[in-house]
């Protein structure tokens, strides 16, 4: 059965719309994957193990913390700067505090600057890998362990990097199911 001109145009248009919608849907996870693999845009890598090579050369790592608009927590690095040997495992802490009377869930987004350092900054463990829930009035210290890949000293651009800044921004997310029920119970008890 042959299609007429207008029918063919409609089918082609619908096909293009479906294809573009699929590409738009896939672009976010693909971009996230691409940034994590390449360090593009200052996205650090994730490593299951520490570096097996530690150099005598050192590098400064600065820590920055901020909150997305509307996030009610207080959030800051415990130490603003440390010097680590390249390849050595570093451990830093961030402090978060929920000053409200309700539980709040948060997720941290992160990057490093300069952006070229993203390919060499490797996180081993980080609070940013999972969502965090703070009870009313709760204060916690959250660790991040990391190392700077020794390949930074031989990289064409990396060898000129002497200071790296690790930045986190916390934003509020929906409470997990169990916490959402507790929050509802608390509101009911107050009425």
Protein backbone atom coordinates (compact mmCIF):
# COMPACT_ATOMS: atom_id res chain seq x y z
CA UNK A 1 0.00 0.00 0.00
CA UNK A 2 1.56 3.24 -1.13
CA UNK A 3 1.28 6.40 0.94
CA UNK A 4 0.18 9.66 -0.54
CA UNK A 5 2.34 12.76 -0.24
CA UNK A 6 0.62 14.24 2.87
CA UNK A 7 0.58 10.86 4.67
CA UNK A 8 4.27 10.33 3.96
CA UNK A 9 5.05 13.82 5.28
CA UNK A 10 3.10 13.16 8.50
CA UNK A 11 4.89 9.82 9.07
CA UNK A 12 8.28 11.41 8.44
CA UNK A 13 7.48 14.33 10.77
CA UNK A 14 6.32 11.99 13.54
CA UNK A 15 9.47 9.90 13.02
CA UNK A 16 11.71 12.97 13.34
CA UNK A 17 9.88 14.11 16.50
CA UNK A 18 10.24 10.63 18.08
CA UNK A 19 13.93 10.46 17.10
CA UNK A 20 14.64 13.95 18.50
CA UNK A 21 12.78 13.11 21.73
CA UNK A 22 14.85 9.92 22.10
CA UNK A 23 18.09 11.81 21.50
CA UNK A 24 17.11 14.48 24.03
CA UNK A 25 16.26 11.80 26.60
CA UNK A 26 19.58 9.96 26.04
CA UNK A 27 21.73 13.11 25.95
CA UNK A 28 21.80 13.70 29.72
CA UNK A 29 23.03 10.22 30.74
CA UNK A 30 25.43 10.14 27.78
CA UNK A 31 26.89 13.55 28.68
CA UNK A 32 27.22 12.48 32.34
CA UNK A 33 29.01 9.28 31.28
CA UNK A 34 31.27 11.19 28.88
CA UNK A 35 32.26 13.73 31.57
CA UNK A 36 33.03 11.02 34.13
CA UNK A 37 35.17 9.03 31.70
CA UNK A 38 37.11 11.97 30.27
CA UNK A 39 37.10 14.46 33.16
CA UNK A 40 35.53 16.95 30.74
CA UNK A 41 34.01 19.97 32.46
CA UNK A 42 35.92 19.32 35.66
CA UNK A 43 34.11 16.09 36.54
CA UNK A 44 36.46 13.94 38.63
CA UNK A 45 36.88 10.23 38.09
CA UNK A 46 35.90 7.46 40.48
CA UNK A 47 38.38 4.79 41.52
CA UNK A 48 37.76 1.59 43.49
CA UNK A 49 41.32 1.57 44.84
CA UNK A 50 44.03 4.00 45.88
CA UNK A 51 46.94 4.84 43.60
CA UNK A 52 49.84 2.40 43.67
CA UNK A 53 52.31 5.19 42.90
CA UNK A 54 53.04 8.15 45.20
CA UNK A 55 55.37 10.92 44.02
CA UNK A 56 57.43 13.34 46.08
CA UNK A 57 55.79 16.26 44.27
CA UNK A 58 52.87 17.90 46.04
CA UNK A 59 49.74 19.71 44.94
CA UNK A 60 47.32 21.98 46.83
CA UNK A 61 43.69 20.93 47.00
CA UNK A 62 41.14 23.55 47.99
CA UNK A 63 37.62 22.72 49.12
CA UNK A 64 34.46 24.69 48.44
CA UNK A 65 30.85 24.08 49.47
CA UNK A 66 27.63 25.80 48.48
CA UNK A 67 23.88 25.25 48.52
CA UNK A 68 21.39 25.39 45.70
CA UNK A 69 18.66 28.04 46.04
CA UNK A 70 16.09 27.02 48.60
CA UNK A 71 18.22 24.35 50.30
CA UNK A 72 17.78 24.92 54.04
CA UNK A 73 20.98 23.20 55.22
CA UNK A 74 24.22 24.80 56.26
CA UNK A 75 27.13 23.21 54.37
CA UNK A 76 30.88 23.90 54.36
CA UNK A 77 34.27 22.19 54.21
CA UNK A 78 35.87 21.48 57.59
CA UNK A 79 39.32 22.38 56.21
CA UNK A 80 39.52 24.80 53.28
CA UNK A 81 42.88 23.67 51.88
CA UNK A 82 45.41 20.86 52.17
CA UNK A 83 48.60 19.87 50.45
CA UNK A 84 48.95 16.24 49.35
CA UNK A 85 51.63 14.29 47.57
CA UNK A 86 50.59 13.34 44.06
CA UNK A 87 49.23 9.79 44.18
CA UNK A 88 48.77 9.87 47.97
CA UNK A 89 45.27 9.23 49.32
CA UNK A 90 43.82 12.38 50.85
CA UNK A 91 40.89 12.55 53.24
CA UNK A 92 38.75 15.65 53.66
CA UNK A 93 35.51 16.32 55.50
CA UNK A 94 32.51 18.52 54.83
CA UNK A 95 30.04 19.51 57.52
CA UNK A 96 26.30 19.66 56.95
CA UNK A 97 23.67 20.87 59.39
CA UNK A 98 19.88 20.81 59.15
CA UNK A 99 18.61 23.77 61.27
CA UNK A 100 14.95 23.07 60.45
CA UNK A 101 12.29 21.07 62.30
CA UNK A 102 11.82 18.55 59.49
CA UNK A 103 14.01 15.92 57.81
CA UNK A 104 15.58 17.09 54.55
CA UNK A 105 17.19 14.95 51.85
CA UNK A 106 20.00 16.28 49.72
CA UNK A 107 22.24 15.22 46.87
CA UNK A 108 25.57 16.82 46.04
CA UNK A 109 26.78 17.70 42.57
CA UNK A 110 30.49 18.29 42.19
CA UNK A 111 33.32 19.36 39.94
CA UNK A 112 36.94 20.40 40.06
CA UNK A 113 38.71 23.43 38.67
CA UNK A 114 40.68 24.01 36.62
CA UNK A 115 38.63 21.77 34.35
CA UNK A 116 41.75 20.06 32.96
CA UNK A 117 42.34 18.61 36.45
CA UNK A 118 39.11 16.61 36.27
CA UNK A 119 40.84 13.81 34.38
CA UNK A 120 43.41 13.43 37.20
CA UNK A 121 41.26 13.88 40.32
CA UNK A 122 40.12 10.41 41.44
CA UNK A 123 37.55 9.89 44.19
CA UNK A 124 37.71 6.63 46.12
CA UNK A 125 34.81 7.21 48.54
CA UNK A 126 32.49 10.18 48.72
CA UNK A 127 29.28 11.30 50.40
CA UNK A 128 28.29 12.60 46.98
CA UNK A 129 27.81 9.07 45.62
CA UNK A 130 24.54 8.70 47.58
CA UNK A 131 21.69 10.86 48.78
CA UNK A 132 21.97 12.23 52.29
CA UNK A 133 19.12 12.67 54.77
CA UNK A 134 19.51 14.86 57.83
CA UNK A 135 17.03 14.74 60.68
CA UNK A 136 15.84 17.99 62.27
CA UNK A 137 18.78 19.63 64.06
CA UNK A 138 21.23 16.95 62.87
CA UNK A 139 24.87 17.91 62.17
CA UNK A 140 27.20 15.47 60.36
CA UNK A 141 30.72 15.36 58.99
CA UNK A 142 30.87 13.69 55.60
CA UNK A 143 34.16 12.31 54.22
CA UNK A 144 35.64 12.29 50.75
CA UNK A 145 38.79 10.26 50.03
CA UNK A 146 40.70 10.98 46.85
CA UNK A 147 44.05 11.05 45.12
CA UNK A 148 45.61 12.96 42.25
CA UNK A 149 46.66 10.62 39.43
CA UNK A 150 50.47 10.75 39.00
CA UNK A 151 49.97 11.08 35.23
CA UNK A 152 49.20 14.76 35.89
CA UNK A 153 52.96 15.52 36.02
CA UNK A 154 53.56 14.30 32.45
CA UNK A 155 50.35 15.58 30.87
CA UNK A 156 50.72 18.42 28.38
CA UNK A 157 48.35 20.71 30.35
CA UNK A 158 48.27 18.94 33.71
CA UNK A 159 51.93 19.52 34.52
CA UNK A 160 51.19 23.24 34.95
CA UNK A 161 48.43 22.70 37.54
CA UNK A 162 49.58 23.40 41.10
CA UNK A 163 46.23 23.99 42.82
CA UNK A 164 42.94 22.11 42.35
CA UNK A 165 39.60 23.19 43.83
CA UNK A 166 37.00 20.54 44.64
CA UNK A 167 33.53 22.09 44.77
CA UNK A 168 30.23 20.63 45.95
CA UNK A 169 26.75 22.07 45.68
CA UNK A 170 23.99 20.43 47.69
CA UNK A 171 20.44 20.59 46.40
CA UNK A 172 17.25 19.34 48.01
CA UNK A 173 15.64 16.16 46.72
CA UNK A 174 12.48 14.28 47.68
CA UNK A 175 12.70 12.32 50.91
CA UNK A 176 13.04 8.56 50.48
CA UNK A 177 9.79 6.68 51.11
CA UNK A 178 10.47 5.75 54.76
CA UNK A 179 11.49 9.31 55.66
CA UNK A 180 8.55 10.83 53.82
CA UNK A 181 6.19 8.77 56.04
CA UNK A 182 8.00 10.03 59.16
CA UNK A 183 7.70 13.62 57.97
CA UNK A 184 3.96 13.13 57.36
CA UNK A 185 3.55 11.57 60.84
CA UNK A 186 5.33 14.55 62.42
CA UNK A 187 2.98 17.00 60.65
CA UNK A 188 -0.03 14.95 61.78
CA UNK A 189 1.21 14.93 65.39
CA UNK A 190 1.54 18.72 65.34
CA UNK A 191 -2.08 19.23 64.26
